[in-house]
N, C-alpha and C. Protein backbone atom coordinates (compact mmCIF):
# COMPACT_ATOMS: atom_id res chain seq x y z
N MET A 1 0.80 -1.21 0.15
CA MET A 1 0.08 -0.01 -0.37
C MET A 1 0.77 1.06 -0.06
N GLN A 2 0.49 1.74 -0.73
CA GLN A 2 1.57 3.31 -1.08
C GLN A 2 1.25 4.05 -0.40
N THR A 3 1.93 5.26 0.66
CA THR A 3 1.62 6.04 1.83
C THR A 3 1.29 7.31 1.56
N GLN A 4 0.14 7.64 1.96
CA GLN A 4 -0.50 9.07 1.46
C GLN A 4 0.47 10.18 2.07
N TYR A 5 0.29 11.41 1.55
CA TYR A 5 0.72 12.46 2.16
C TYR A 5 -0.16 14.08 1.75
N LEU A 6 0.03 15.21 2.36
CA LEU A 6 -0.90 16.24 1.80
C LEU A 6 0.38 17.14 1.20
N ASN A 7 0.35 16.82 0.13
CA ASN A 7 1.44 18.51 -0.58
C ASN A 7 0.87 19.62 -0.10
N ALA A 8 1.32 20.45 0.82
CA ALA A 8 1.17 22.19 0.99
C ALA A 8 0.14 22.50 -0.10
N HIS A 9 0.78 22.63 -1.24
CA HIS A 9 0.20 23.60 -2.16
C HIS A 9 -1.19 23.00 -2.36
N GLN A 10 -1.84 21.88 -2.25
CA GLN A 10 -3.08 21.22 -2.58
C GLN A 10 -4.17 21.62 -1.70
N ALA A 11 -3.24 21.89 -0.14
CA ALA A 11 -4.41 22.43 0.84
C ALA A 11 -4.73 24.10 0.68
N ARG A 12 -3.77 24.87 0.26
CA ARG A 12 -4.11 26.24 -0.02
C ARG A 12 -5.43 26.63 -1.08
N ASP A 13 -5.75 27.69 -0.82
CA ASP A 13 -7.01 28.03 -1.27
C ASP A 13 -6.73 29.48 -1.99
N ARG A 14 -5.72 29.77 -2.02
CA ARG A 14 -5.21 30.92 -3.24
C ARG A 14 -3.55 31.19 -2.99
N GLU A 15 -3.36 31.84 -4.28
CA GLU A 15 -1.65 31.65 -4.21
C GLU A 15 -1.40 32.98 -3.30
N PRO A 16 -0.22 32.85 -2.52
CA PRO A 16 0.26 33.71 -1.35
C PRO A 16 0.53 35.10 -1.89
N VAL A 17 0.39 35.92 -0.86
CA VAL A 17 0.40 37.45 -1.70
C VAL A 17 2.13 37.80 -1.35
N ASP A 18 2.36 38.63 -1.76
CA ASP A 18 3.61 39.72 -1.59
C ASP A 18 4.63 39.26 -0.40
N TYR A 19 3.57 39.72 0.90
CA TYR A 19 4.37 39.42 2.00
C TYR A 19 4.59 38.26 2.61
N GLU A 20 3.25 37.43 2.13
CA GLU A 20 3.54 35.90 2.46
C GLU A 20 5.14 35.39 2.13
N ASN A 21 5.23 35.36 0.88
CA ASN A 21 6.41 35.12 -0.28
C ASN A 21 7.46 35.81 0.55
N LEU A 22 7.82 37.10 0.71
CA LEU A 22 8.73 37.46 1.36
C LEU A 22 8.87 37.08 2.57
N LEU A 23 8.05 36.89 3.31
CA LEU A 23 8.46 36.49 5.01
C LEU A 23 8.64 34.85 4.72
N GLY A 24 8.26 34.07 4.25
CA GLY A 24 9.03 32.80 3.43
C GLY A 24 10.10 32.59 3.00
N ASP A 25 10.37 33.61 2.07
CA ASP A 25 11.80 33.91 1.57
C ASP A 25 12.57 34.12 2.98
N GLY A 26 12.58 35.06 3.82
CA GLY A 26 13.43 35.60 4.79
C GLY A 26 13.48 34.70 5.97
N ILE A 27 12.63 33.25 5.94
CA ILE A 27 12.69 32.28 6.86
C ILE A 27 13.30 31.48 6.42
N GLU A 28 13.46 31.00 4.89
CA GLU A 28 14.19 30.31 4.17
C GLU A 28 15.80 30.44 4.35
N LYS A 29 15.98 31.89 4.39
CA LYS A 29 17.37 32.60 4.46
C LYS A 29 17.96 32.57 5.28
N ALA A 30 16.99 32.45 6.52
CA ALA A 30 17.61 32.58 7.83
C ALA A 30 18.09 30.74 7.93
N TYR A 31 17.44 30.15 7.17
CA TYR A 31 17.98 28.36 7.67
C TYR A 31 19.12 28.21 6.71
N ALA A 32 19.23 29.08 5.29
CA ALA A 32 20.11 28.84 4.93
C ALA A 32 21.31 29.34 5.07
N ALA A 33 21.37 30.11 6.36
CA ALA A 33 22.49 30.61 6.92
C ALA A 33 22.46 29.87 8.61
N GLY A 34 21.92 29.01 8.55
CA GLY A 34 22.54 28.38 9.46
C GLY A 34 21.34 28.69 10.99
N VAL A 35 20.58 29.55 10.96
CA VAL A 35 19.95 29.71 11.97
C VAL A 35 18.61 28.59 12.32
N HIS A 36 18.26 28.20 13.38
CA HIS A 36 17.36 27.40 13.19
C HIS A 36 16.45 27.58 15.05
N ASP A 37 16.90 28.65 15.54
CA ASP A 37 16.41 29.03 16.62
C ASP A 37 15.62 29.93 16.35
N LEU A 38 14.20 30.29 17.54
CA LEU A 38 13.29 31.04 16.76
C LEU A 38 13.87 32.52 17.29
N ASP A 39 14.76 32.84 18.49
CA ASP A 39 15.36 34.11 18.47
C ASP A 39 16.36 34.74 17.26
N GLY A 40 16.82 33.43 17.19
CA GLY A 40 17.78 33.60 15.53
C GLY A 40 17.13 34.01 14.28
N ILE A 41 15.65 33.43 13.96
CA ILE A 41 14.84 34.13 13.51
C ILE A 41 14.55 34.82 13.18
N CYS A 42 13.94 35.41 14.19
CA CYS A 42 13.66 36.72 14.29
C CYS A 42 14.38 37.59 14.42
N ALA A 43 16.22 37.84 14.68
CA ALA A 43 16.57 38.62 14.61
C ALA A 43 17.27 38.87 12.88
N HIS A 44 17.30 37.68 12.56
CA HIS A 44 17.22 37.74 10.86
C HIS A 44 16.12 38.49 9.82
N LEU A 45 15.23 38.40 10.48
CA LEU A 45 13.75 39.12 9.84
C LEU A 45 13.84 40.65 10.47
N ASN A 46 14.29 40.84 11.20
CA ASN A 46 14.82 42.12 12.14
C ASN A 46 15.76 42.76 11.15
N SER A 47 16.95 42.20 10.74
CA SER A 47 17.86 42.98 10.27
C SER A 47 17.76 43.22 8.75
N GLY A 48 16.49 43.54 8.60
CA GLY A 48 16.10 44.34 7.13
C GLY A 48 15.64 43.01 6.51
N CYS A 49 15.12 42.00 6.23
CA CYS A 49 15.00 41.48 5.56
C CYS A 49 13.40 41.55 5.10
N VAL A 50 12.60 41.37 6.23
CA VAL A 50 11.25 41.46 6.21
C VAL A 50 10.68 42.31 7.39
N PRO A 51 9.88 42.84 6.80
CA PRO A 51 8.89 43.89 7.75
C PRO A 51 8.32 43.43 8.65
N ALA A 52 7.58 43.46 9.83
CA ALA A 52 7.28 43.01 11.09
C ALA A 52 5.56 43.71 10.68
N PRO A 53 4.49 43.31 10.75
CA PRO A 53 3.44 43.56 11.02
C PRO A 53 3.16 44.74 11.58
N ASP A 54 2.78 46.05 10.99
CA ASP A 54 2.85 47.40 11.77
C ASP A 54 3.85 48.21 12.13
N GLY A 55 4.94 47.87 11.50
CA GLY A 55 5.90 48.00 11.81
C GLY A 55 6.65 48.09 13.07
N LYS A 56 6.42 47.25 13.98
CA LYS A 56 7.22 46.24 15.13
C LYS A 56 8.16 45.35 14.61
N VAL A 57 9.02 45.50 15.89
CA VAL A 57 9.90 44.67 15.81
C VAL A 57 9.46 43.05 15.82
N TRP A 58 10.28 42.24 15.09
CA TRP A 58 9.79 40.68 15.13
C TRP A 58 10.36 40.18 16.52
N THR A 59 9.54 39.52 17.63
CA THR A 59 9.32 38.54 18.43
C THR A 59 9.38 37.61 18.70
N PRO A 60 9.61 36.36 19.40
CA PRO A 60 8.96 35.37 19.09
C PRO A 60 7.68 35.50 19.25
N ASP A 61 6.63 36.33 20.25
CA ASP A 61 5.54 36.10 20.40
C ASP A 61 4.83 36.70 19.20
N LEU A 62 5.19 37.56 18.64
CA LEU A 62 4.77 38.10 17.28
C LEU A 62 4.62 37.45 16.14
N PHE A 63 5.92 36.71 16.23
CA PHE A 63 6.32 35.49 14.60
C PHE A 63 4.97 34.40 15.00
N ALA A 64 5.13 34.10 16.43
CA ALA A 64 3.99 32.90 16.73
C ALA A 64 2.69 33.77 16.38
N GLN A 65 2.25 34.40 16.75
CA GLN A 65 0.92 35.48 16.22
C GLN A 65 0.86 35.10 14.90
N GLU A 66 1.86 35.96 14.33
CA GLU A 66 1.98 36.43 12.86
C GLU A 66 1.79 34.34 12.06
N MET A 67 2.57 33.39 12.45
CA MET A 67 2.00 31.79 12.05
C MET A 67 0.55 31.92 12.00
N LYS A 68 0.43 32.02 13.27
CA LYS A 68 -1.16 31.75 13.65
C LYS A 68 -2.46 32.21 12.38
N ARG A 69 -1.87 33.79 12.40
CA ARG A 69 -2.96 34.69 11.69
C ARG A 69 -3.02 33.72 10.23
N LEU A 70 -1.74 33.42 9.64
CA LEU A 70 -1.50 33.04 8.55
C LEU A 70 -2.16 31.69 8.35
N GLY A 71 -2.35 30.88 9.49
CA GLY A 71 -2.51 29.50 9.56
C GLY A 71 -1.77 28.68 8.94
N VAL A 72 -0.17 29.02 9.60
CA VAL A 72 0.79 28.09 9.28
C VAL A 72 0.66 26.81 10.68
């Protein structure tokens, strides 16, 4: 029997907006730079690659709230 899996692109109901793509790219760049902890990811995003919502500074709490809002 073949194992079933869900392709993330099958589950979405629309194309990502520019902000979502920018945020995803920023997270990927952090991982590519060897950053794997939440504080480090927030620092990487704050370094200028992705603006936080409402001009705030990325924090672990804000990151978690934003991931929840985006349904990630």
